């Protein structure tokens, strides 16, 4: 794999290749260990510390050669983090607002900052994206190894090791599918078609409907935006043809229907009739959103406090236990009101606009279509997934952000170098 290709050494003023390699290894261990040991907080913390140590080493290396600036993604998440903590002053449950995601959000601040420190060039951005993909490949392979054969087709692949939520796992492999198609199709690194196929199978086995939809939409957008590919409209047509064939087989073939087709069938019946006794998942989510709307009307400006939707619905709702809304938009509106919603989503709009402008100006910059496809997919994902304090979605947001400034030049610091 090109992930491990030897790079040419660079002089001190252009960065430290050894330090960057150590950072890549530490980041790989963080991504992999965080997932595999999700149910073992002690081991998970150890891998988080490895990732933080790599970021610290990179930071110290950069301090020697650069005038440090706080990147926009760090400012964005810091503002949201501060608002979330301040909401304890008016929250329904101050303890939940202040404590629930405190450590995780602090880690995300540091890791996002480290990703920004690392990336100056498009080559570096692609290299770090490959670290993310290779990590996902490793823990997916581990899932295959430890998942009993009888459970492999039960629709919950991805939870055998680490006891992870299959929706979160489906999100990871859908993102990796889009990325690997980018390397295979746009960058002509044909070996990545194998990884793309592997991640599609993983996504399929997870039975996550939104992940399959996002995979298809993301790949479609990637090909559509890749103007450097002359036959992309023909490829889109072929892709749509295969997608139609797959959908038909998904409903007609018993094997495919039992894994994922029945879930889409149940969803369609719910959307058409508004009720389906078998579709408890969508019924609950509709209830959550309606409850969130009530909370928003009660406190539209600042909401009921960060991480308080779960507490309130557990105490006042018609359920025996608390749930999130499974919708990032309504969860933020219920917890932090309109102020929190704007504080969070201005960054998404900023990235989207900047990517569109850059795509129009730099037609030779092939990584921009990937970033644009991912950010649009992120908008869609968040209608069914909570991402504001979730590890992997925030890592992906940092990877998308660095694509907005990564240079095609051989070596160009994002931070201004100091005089030696």
Protein backbone atom coordinates (compact mmCIF):
# COMPACT_ATOMS: atom_id res chain seq x y z
CA UNK A 1 0.00 0.00 0.00
CA UNK A 2 1.10 3.53 -0.74
CA UNK A 3 0.41 4.33 2.90
CA UNK A 4 3.87 3.05 3.77
CA UNK A 5 5.82 4.50 0.86
CA UNK A 6 9.13 6.01 1.92
CA UNK A 7 9.17 9.77 1.70
CA UNK A 8 12.13 11.92 0.79
CA UNK A 9 13.81 13.53 3.82
CA UNK A 10 13.23 17.24 4.28
CA UNK A 11 15.24 19.91 6.02
CA UNK A 12 14.25 21.27 9.41
CA UNK A 13 12.56 24.37 8.05
CA UNK A 14 10.28 22.19 5.95
CA UNK A 15 9.23 19.91 8.78
CA UNK A 16 10.52 16.81 10.47
CA UNK A 17 9.72 13.62 8.53
CA UNK A 18 10.56 11.40 11.53
CA UNK A 19 8.21 13.31 13.81
CA UNK A 20 5.47 13.20 11.20
CA UNK A 21 5.89 9.44 10.80
CA UNK A 22 5.65 8.97 14.57
CA UNK A 23 2.53 11.13 14.56
CA UNK A 24 1.00 8.97 11.82
CA UNK A 25 1.67 5.79 13.80
CA UNK A 26 0.24 7.29 16.99
CA UNK A 27 -2.84 8.49 15.12
CA UNK A 28 -3.35 5.07 13.55
CA UNK A 29 -3.17 3.44 16.98
CA UNK A 30 -5.63 6.00 18.36
CA UNK A 31 -8.18 5.42 15.58
CA UNK A 32 -7.89 1.64 15.81
CA UNK A 33 -7.73 1.28 19.59
CA UNK A 34 -10.59 3.69 20.22
CA UNK A 35 -12.91 1.46 18.20
CA UNK A 36 -11.66 -2.00 19.18
CA UNK A 37 -11.65 -1.25 22.90
CA UNK A 38 -14.76 0.89 23.07
CA UNK A 39 -16.16 -1.31 25.85
CA UNK A 40 -12.89 -1.31 27.79
CA UNK A 41 -12.39 2.25 28.94
CA UNK A 42 -8.99 1.55 30.47
CA UNK A 43 -7.46 0.25 27.24
CA UNK A 44 -9.32 2.85 25.22
CA UNK A 45 -7.82 5.59 27.39
CA UNK A 46 -4.34 4.15 26.80
CA UNK A 47 -4.77 4.47 23.02
CA UNK A 48 -6.20 7.96 23.41
CA UNK A 49 -3.07 8.91 25.38
CA UNK A 50 -0.91 7.52 22.56
CA UNK A 51 -2.77 9.76 20.09
CA UNK A 52 -2.43 12.77 22.37
CA UNK A 53 1.29 12.08 22.80
CA UNK A 54 1.75 12.02 19.03
CA UNK A 55 -0.06 15.34 18.74
CA UNK A 56 2.09 16.85 21.49
CA UNK A 57 5.28 15.70 19.76
CA UNK A 58 4.09 17.20 16.46
CA UNK A 59 3.19 20.44 18.23
CA UNK A 60 6.63 20.76 19.83
CA UNK A 61 8.25 20.08 16.45
CA UNK A 62 6.15 22.75 14.74
CA UNK A 63 6.85 25.32 17.47
CA UNK A 64 10.53 25.21 16.49
CA UNK A 65 9.83 26.07 12.86
CA UNK A 66 6.54 27.96 12.77
CA UNK A 67 4.60 30.81 14.30
CA UNK A 68 1.62 28.94 15.66
CA UNK A 69 -1.93 30.00 14.86
CA UNK A 70 -5.18 28.62 16.18
CA UNK A 71 -6.92 27.03 13.16
CA UNK A 72 -10.55 27.75 12.38
CA UNK A 73 -11.72 24.20 13.13
CA UNK A 74 -10.29 24.48 16.65
CA UNK A 75 -11.95 27.88 17.17
CA UNK A 76 -15.25 26.43 15.96
CA UNK A 77 -15.24 23.43 18.25
CA UNK A 78 -13.86 25.44 21.18
CA UNK A 79 -16.77 27.92 20.90
CA UNK A 80 -19.27 25.06 20.81
CA UNK A 81 -17.54 23.35 23.73
CA UNK A 82 -17.60 26.52 25.84
CA UNK A 83 -21.29 27.07 25.08
CA UNK A 84 -22.04 23.47 26.02
CA UNK A 85 -20.27 23.85 29.37
CA UNK A 86 -21.86 27.24 30.08
CA UNK A 87 -25.29 25.73 29.48
CA UNK A 88 -24.91 24.06 32.89
CA UNK A 89 -25.90 27.46 34.30
CA UNK A 90 -29.44 27.14 32.91
CA UNK A 91 -29.70 23.40 32.22
CA UNK A 92 -32.48 21.13 33.40
CA UNK A 93 -29.68 18.91 34.75
CA UNK A 94 -26.48 20.99 35.26
CA UNK A 95 -24.38 17.90 36.01
CA UNK A 96 -25.29 16.23 32.70
CA UNK A 97 -24.54 19.42 30.78
CA UNK A 98 -21.12 19.92 32.38
CA UNK A 99 -19.86 16.35 32.72
CA UNK A 100 -21.43 14.05 30.09
CA UNK A 101 -19.04 14.76 27.20
CA UNK A 102 -16.38 16.90 28.93
CA UNK A 103 -13.37 14.58 28.46
CA UNK A 104 -14.34 13.43 24.97
CA UNK A 105 -14.80 16.99 23.67
CA UNK A 106 -11.45 18.03 25.13
CA UNK A 107 -9.80 15.10 23.35
CA UNK A 108 -11.55 16.02 20.10
CA UNK A 109 -10.26 19.59 20.42
CA UNK A 110 -6.65 18.40 20.74
CA UNK A 111 -6.86 15.69 18.05
CA UNK A 112 -8.55 18.07 15.58
CA UNK A 113 -5.83 20.63 16.28
CA UNK A 114 -3.15 17.98 15.67
CA UNK A 115 -4.66 17.00 12.31
CA UNK A 116 -4.55 20.66 11.26
CA UNK A 117 -0.94 20.95 12.43
CA UNK A 118 0.09 17.93 10.37
CA UNK A 119 -1.46 18.86 7.03
CA UNK A 120 0.06 21.50 4.77
CA UNK A 121 -0.03 19.77 1.40
CA UNK A 122 -2.56 17.66 -0.49
CA UNK A 123 -0.13 14.74 -0.25
CA UNK A 124 -0.16 14.99 3.54
CA UNK A 125 -3.96 15.22 3.60
CA UNK A 126 -4.23 12.08 1.47
CA UNK A 127 -1.68 10.30 3.64
CA UNK A 128 -3.62 11.02 6.84
CA UNK A 129 -6.88 10.01 5.16
CA UNK A 130 -5.22 6.70 4.29
CA UNK A 131 -4.29 6.27 7.96
CA UNK A 132 -8.00 6.61 8.77
CA UNK A 133 -8.96 4.09 6.07
CA UNK A 134 -6.28 1.56 7.05
CA UNK A 135 -7.41 1.79 10.68
CA UNK A 136 -11.01 1.08 9.63
CA UNK A 137 -9.81 -1.85 7.54
CA UNK A 138 -7.94 -3.36 10.49
CA UNK A 139 -10.79 -3.16 12.98
CA UNK A 140 -13.25 -4.38 10.33
CA UNK A 141 -11.02 -7.39 9.64
CA UNK A 142 -10.94 -8.05 13.39
CA UNK A 143 -14.74 -7.94 13.42
CA UNK A 144 -14.83 -10.61 10.71
CA UNK A 145 -12.40 -12.78 12.63
CA UNK A 146 -14.30 -12.68 15.94
CA UNK A 147 -17.88 -12.63 14.67
CA UNK A 148 -19.40 -16.14 14.82
CA UNK A 149 -20.46 -17.42 11.42
CA UNK A 150 -24.07 -17.76 12.58
CA UNK A 151 -24.11 -14.07 13.58
CA UNK A 152 -22.39 -12.76 10.46
CA UNK A 153 -25.66 -12.32 8.56
CA UNK A 154 -27.91 -11.22 11.42
CA UNK A 155 -27.75 -7.58 10.41
CA UNK A 156 -25.61 -6.32 13.30
CA UNK A 157 -22.09 -6.75 11.98
CA UNK A 158 -19.59 -4.42 13.64
CA UNK A 159 -20.51 -4.94 17.28
CA UNK A 160 -18.84 -8.29 18.07
CA UNK A 161 -15.62 -6.59 19.21
CA UNK A 162 -15.88 -3.45 21.31
CA UNK A 163 -19.67 -3.65 21.59
CA UNK A 164 -20.00 -0.73 19.19
CA UNK A 165 -23.28 0.64 17.89
CA UNK A 166 -23.73 -0.72 14.36
CA UNK A 167 -25.04 2.65 13.11
CA UNK A 168 -21.77 4.28 14.14
CA UNK A 169 -19.84 1.45 12.52
CA UNK A 170 -21.93 1.79 9.37
CA UNK A 171 -21.04 5.48 9.27
CA UNK A 172 -17.31 4.71 9.42
CA UNK A 173 -17.35 2.14 6.62
CA UNK A 174 -19.59 4.32 4.42
CA UNK A 175 -17.07 7.18 4.72
CA UNK A 176 -14.25 4.75 3.96
CA UNK A 177 -16.09 3.49 0.88
CA UNK A 178 -16.30 7.02 -0.52
CA UNK A 179 -12.63 7.62 0.27
CA UNK A 180 -11.38 4.38 -1.28
CA UNK A 181 -13.41 5.01 -4.44
CA UNK A 182 -11.64 8.38 -4.59
CA UNK A 183 -8.20 6.75 -4.50
CA UNK A 184 -9.22 4.02 -6.95
CA UNK A 185 -11.26 6.07 -9.44
CA UNK A 186 -9.87 9.62 -9.23
CA UNK A 187 -6.25 8.90 -8.28
CA UNK A 188 -6.06 5.71 -10.40
CA UNK A 189 -4.72 3.61 -7.52
CA UNK A 190 -6.59 0.51 -8.67
CA UNK A 191 -5.79 -1.61 -5.59
CA UNK A 192 -8.22 0.56 -3.63
CA UNK A 193 -11.14 -1.00 -5.51
CA UNK A 194 -10.55 -4.05 -3.30
CA UNK A 195 -10.88 -1.90 -0.18
CA UNK A 196 -13.95 -0.18 -1.59
CA UNK A 197 -15.61 -3.54 -2.18
CA UNK A 198 -14.60 -4.71 1.30
CA UNK A 199 -16.15 -1.66 2.97
CA UNK A 200 -19.33 -1.96 0.90
CA UNK A 201 -19.73 -5.54 2.14
CA UNK A 202 -19.17 -4.37 5.72
CA UNK A 203 -21.73 -1.61 5.30
CA UNK A 204 -24.19 -4.11 3.86
CA UNK A 205 -23.68 -6.57 6.73
CA UNK A 206 -24.23 -3.81 9.31
CA UNK A 207 -27.81 -3.45 7.96
CA UNK A 208 -27.58 0.31 8.45
CA UNK A 209 -30.01 1.83 5.97
CA UNK A 210 -28.67 5.35 6.21
CA UNK A 211 -25.10 4.12 5.74
CA UNK A 212 -26.00 2.34 2.50
CA UNK A 213 -27.86 5.41 1.27
CA UNK A 214 -24.97 7.71 2.21
CA UNK A 215 -22.48 5.38 0.53
CA UNK A 216 -24.40 5.54 -2.74
CA UNK A 217 -24.97 9.32 -2.54
CA UNK A 218 -21.36 10.05 -1.57
CA UNK A 219 -19.87 7.98 -4.40
CA UNK A 220 -22.32 9.54 -6.87
CA UNK A 221 -21.31 13.06 -5.79
CA UNK A 222 -17.60 12.19 -5.87
CA UNK A 223 -17.81 11.02 -9.48
CA UNK A 224 -20.04 13.95 -10.43
CA UNK A 225 -17.62 16.54 -9.02
CA UNK A 226 -14.49 14.91 -10.48
CA UNK A 227 -14.28 17.01 -13.62
CA UNK A 228 -10.84 15.60 -14.44
CA UNK A 229 -12.48 12.28 -15.38
CA UNK A 230 -13.66 12.66 -18.97
CA UNK A 231 -16.16 9.80 -18.97
CA UNK A 232 -17.66 10.48 -15.56
CA UNK A 233 -21.26 10.86 -16.82
CA UNK A 234 -21.05 7.47 -18.49
CA UNK A 235 -19.65 6.04 -15.26
CA UNK A 236 -22.53 7.64 -13.34
CA UNK A 237 -24.99 5.96 -15.68
CA UNK A 238 -23.32 2.57 -15.18
CA UNK A 239 -23.28 3.13 -11.43
CA UNK A 240 -26.98 4.01 -11.39
CA UNK A 241 -27.72 0.90 -13.44
CA UNK A 242 -25.92 -1.32 -10.94
CA UNK A 243 -27.67 0.47 -8.08
CA UNK A 244 -31.09 -0.24 -9.62
CA UNK A 245 -30.17 -3.90 -10.14
CA UNK A 246 -29.00 -4.15 -6.52
CA UNK A 247 -32.23 -2.57 -5.21
CA UNK A 248 -34.32 -5.03 -7.24
CA UNK A 249 -32.27 -7.96 -5.93
CA UNK A 250 -32.47 -6.59 -2.41
CA UNK A 251 -36.25 -6.99 -2.48
CA UNK A 252 -36.44 -10.13 -4.62
CA UNK A 253 -33.55 -12.28 -3.40
CA UNK A 254 -34.30 -14.01 -0.09
CA UNK A 255 -30.69 -13.83 1.13
CA UNK A 256 -30.37 -10.08 0.52
CA UNK A 257 -33.89 -9.39 1.76
CA UNK A 258 -33.26 -11.05 5.12
CA UNK A 259 -30.14 -8.98 5.76
CA UNK A 260 -31.17 -5.50 4.59
CA UNK A 261 -34.11 -5.62 2.18
CA UNK A 262 -36.66 -6.20 4.93
CA UNK A 263 -35.48 -3.06 6.71
CA UNK A 264 -35.92 -0.93 3.59
CA UNK A 265 -39.29 -2.56 2.96
CA UNK A 266 -40.39 -1.73 6.50
CA UNK A 267 -39.12 1.84 6.13
CA UNK A 268 -40.99 2.42 2.85
CA UNK A 269 -44.26 1.11 4.32
CA UNK A 270 -43.82 3.46 7.29
CA UNK A 271 -43.13 6.47 5.04
CA UNK A 272 -46.14 5.69 2.83
CA UNK A 273 -48.71 4.92 5.52
CA UNK A 274 -47.24 6.85 8.45
CA UNK A 275 -47.48 3.74 10.62
CA UNK A 276 -45.93 0.30 10.60
CA UNK A 277 -46.00 -1.86 13.76
CA UNK A 278 -42.78 -3.56 12.62
CA UNK A 279 -40.95 -0.25 12.19
CA UNK A 280 -40.30 0.59 15.84
CA UNK A 281 -37.02 2.34 15.00
CA UNK A 282 -38.56 5.03 12.79
CA UNK A 283 -41.60 5.36 15.06
CA UNK A 284 -39.32 6.09 18.00
CA UNK A 285 -37.29 8.59 16.00
CA UNK A 286 -40.45 10.40 14.91
CA UNK A 287 -41.47 10.57 18.57
CA UNK A 288 -38.03 11.88 19.58
CA UNK A 289 -38.17 14.67 16.99
CA UNK A 290 -41.66 15.73 18.07
CA UNK A 291 -40.47 15.80 21.68
CA UNK A 292 -37.44 17.88 20.66
CA UNK A 293 -39.75 20.35 18.91
CA UNK A 294 -41.70 20.79 22.14
CA UNK A 295 -38.48 21.45 24.05
CA UNK A 296 -37.38 23.98 21.44
CA UNK A 297 -40.66 25.89 21.72
CA UNK A 298 -40.22 26.02 25.49
CA UNK A 299 -36.70 27.49 25.33
CA UNK A 300 -35.95 28.54 21.75
CA UNK A 301 -32.90 30.71 22.38
CA UNK A 302 -30.55 28.67 24.59
CA UNK A 303 -32.33 25.34 25.00
CA UNK A 304 -32.54 23.10 28.06
CA UNK A 305 -28.81 22.46 28.43
CA UNK A 306 -26.24 20.35 26.64
CA UNK A 307 -26.84 16.56 26.79
CA UNK A 308 -30.16 17.18 28.54
CA UNK A 309 -32.55 15.83 25.92
CA UNK A 310 -31.83 12.28 27.12
CA UNK A 311 -32.42 13.26 30.76
CA UNK A 312 -35.66 15.10 30.08
CA UNK A 313 -37.21 12.45 27.85
CA UNK A 314 -36.35 9.81 30.46
CA UNK A 315 -38.17 11.75 33.17
CA UNK A 316 -41.06 13.27 31.21
CA UNK A 317 -41.50 11.13 28.10
CA UNK A 318 -43.58 8.01 27.60
CA UNK A 319 -40.55 5.69 27.56
CA UNK A 320 -39.00 3.58 30.29
CA UNK A 321 -35.51 4.78 29.46
CA UNK A 322 -33.77 7.76 27.88
CA UNK A 323 -32.81 8.04 24.23
CA UNK A 324 -31.15 10.59 22.02
CA UNK A 325 -33.15 12.01 19.12
CA UNK A 326 -30.93 10.17 16.59
CA UNK A 327 -30.98 13.54 14.79
CA UNK A 328 -28.12 15.98 15.28
CA UNK A 329 -30.14 19.00 14.14
CA UNK A 330 -33.00 18.54 16.59
CA UNK A 331 -30.73 17.38 19.41
CA UNK A 332 -28.75 20.64 19.25
CA UNK A 333 -31.93 22.72 18.98
CA UNK A 334 -33.44 21.01 22.01
CA UNK A 335 -30.23 21.18 24.08
CA UNK A 336 -28.75 24.55 23.05
CA UNK A 337 -31.49 26.30 21.10
CA UNK A 338 -31.00 28.50 18.06
CA UNK A 339 -27.77 29.96 19.48
CA UNK A 340 -26.22 26.51 19.76
CA UNK A 341 -27.48 25.52 16.32
CA UNK A 342 -25.83 28.55 14.69
CA UNK A 343 -22.65 28.10 16.77
CA UNK A 344 -22.32 24.56 15.47
CA UNK A 345 -23.47 24.69 11.85
CA UNK A 346 -21.83 27.91 10.66
CA UNK A 347 -18.65 25.87 10.26
CA UNK A 348 -20.36 23.36 7.96
CA UNK A 349 -21.59 26.18 5.73
CA UNK A 350 -18.16 27.84 5.82
CA UNK A 351 -16.44 24.64 4.67
CA UNK A 352 -19.06 23.96 1.96
CA UNK A 353 -18.77 27.45 0.46
CA UNK A 354 -14.98 27.42 0.61
CA UNK A 355 -14.82 24.01 -1.09
CA UNK A 356 -17.18 25.08 -3.88
CA UNK A 357 -15.14 28.22 -4.55
CA UNK A 358 -11.88 26.27 -4.49
CA UNK A 359 -13.29 23.59 -6.82
CA UNK A 360 -14.22 26.26 -9.36
CA UNK A 361 -10.81 27.94 -9.11
CA UNK A 362 -8.53 24.89 -8.81
CA UNK A 363 -9.83 22.33 -11.26
CA UNK A 364 -6.58 20.36 -10.93
CA UNK A 365 -7.02 19.90 -7.18
CA UNK A 366 -8.50 16.39 -7.12
CA UNK A 367 -9.01 16.19 -3.34
CA UNK A 368 -11.66 18.96 -3.34
CA UNK A 369 -14.38 16.74 -4.92
CA UNK A 370 -13.75 14.16 -2.18
CA UNK A 371 -14.07 16.74 0.59
CA UNK A 372 -17.20 18.23 -0.98
CA UNK A 373 -18.82 14.79 -1.36
CA UNK A 374 -18.01 14.03 2.29
CA UNK A 375 -19.38 17.30 3.69
CA UNK A 376 -22.64 16.95 1.74
CA UNK A 377 -22.90 13.36 2.95
CA UNK A 378 -22.30 14.65 6.49
CA UNK A 379 -25.34 16.93 6.21
CA UNK A 380 -27.42 13.88 5.28
CA UNK A 381 -25.90 11.62 7.94
CA UNK A 382 -26.78 13.99 10.73
CA UNK A 383 -30.47 13.59 10.10
CA UNK A 384 -30.10 10.11 11.62
CA UNK A 385 -26.96 10.26 13.77
CA UNK A 386 -25.70 12.36 16.69
CA UNK A 387 -22.27 13.73 15.74
CA UNK A 388 -21.69 16.86 17.84
CA UNK A 389 -19.74 14.92 20.49
CA UNK A 390 -18.96 11.73 18.58
CA UNK A 391 -15.39 10.67 17.92
CA UNK A 392 -15.29 9.48 14.31
CA UNK A 393 -17.64 12.11 12.78
CA UNK A 394 -15.50 14.86 14.33
CA UNK A 395 -12.33 13.24 12.97
CA UNK A 396 -13.93 13.21 9.51
CA UNK A 397 -14.87 16.89 9.89
CA UNK A 398 -11.22 17.70 10.65
CA UNK A 399 -10.11 15.72 7.59
CA UNK A 400 -12.62 17.59 5.44
CA UNK A 401 -11.42 20.93 6.81
CA UNK A 402 -7.73 20.35 6.02
CA UNK A 403 -8.70 19.70 2.40
CA UNK A 404 -9.91 23.32 2.16
CA UNK A 405 -6.38 24.70 2.54
CA UNK A 406 -4.08 21.81 1.57
CA UNK A 407 -1.73 22.94 -1.18
CA UNK A 408 -0.73 21.03 -4.30
CA UNK A 409 2.81 22.39 -3.98
CA UNK A 410 5.67 20.12 -2.98
CA UNK A 411 5.96 21.70 0.46
CA UNK A 412 4.14 24.77 1.76
CA UNK A 413 3.52 25.48 5.41
CA UNK A 414 -0.01 26.34 6.43
CA UNK A 415 1.64 28.23 9.31
CA UNK A 416 4.08 31.06 8.59
CA UNK A 417 7.68 29.97 9.23
CA UNK A 418 9.76 31.94 11.67
CA UNK A 419 13.12 33.41 10.82
CA UNK A 420 16.00 31.07 11.68
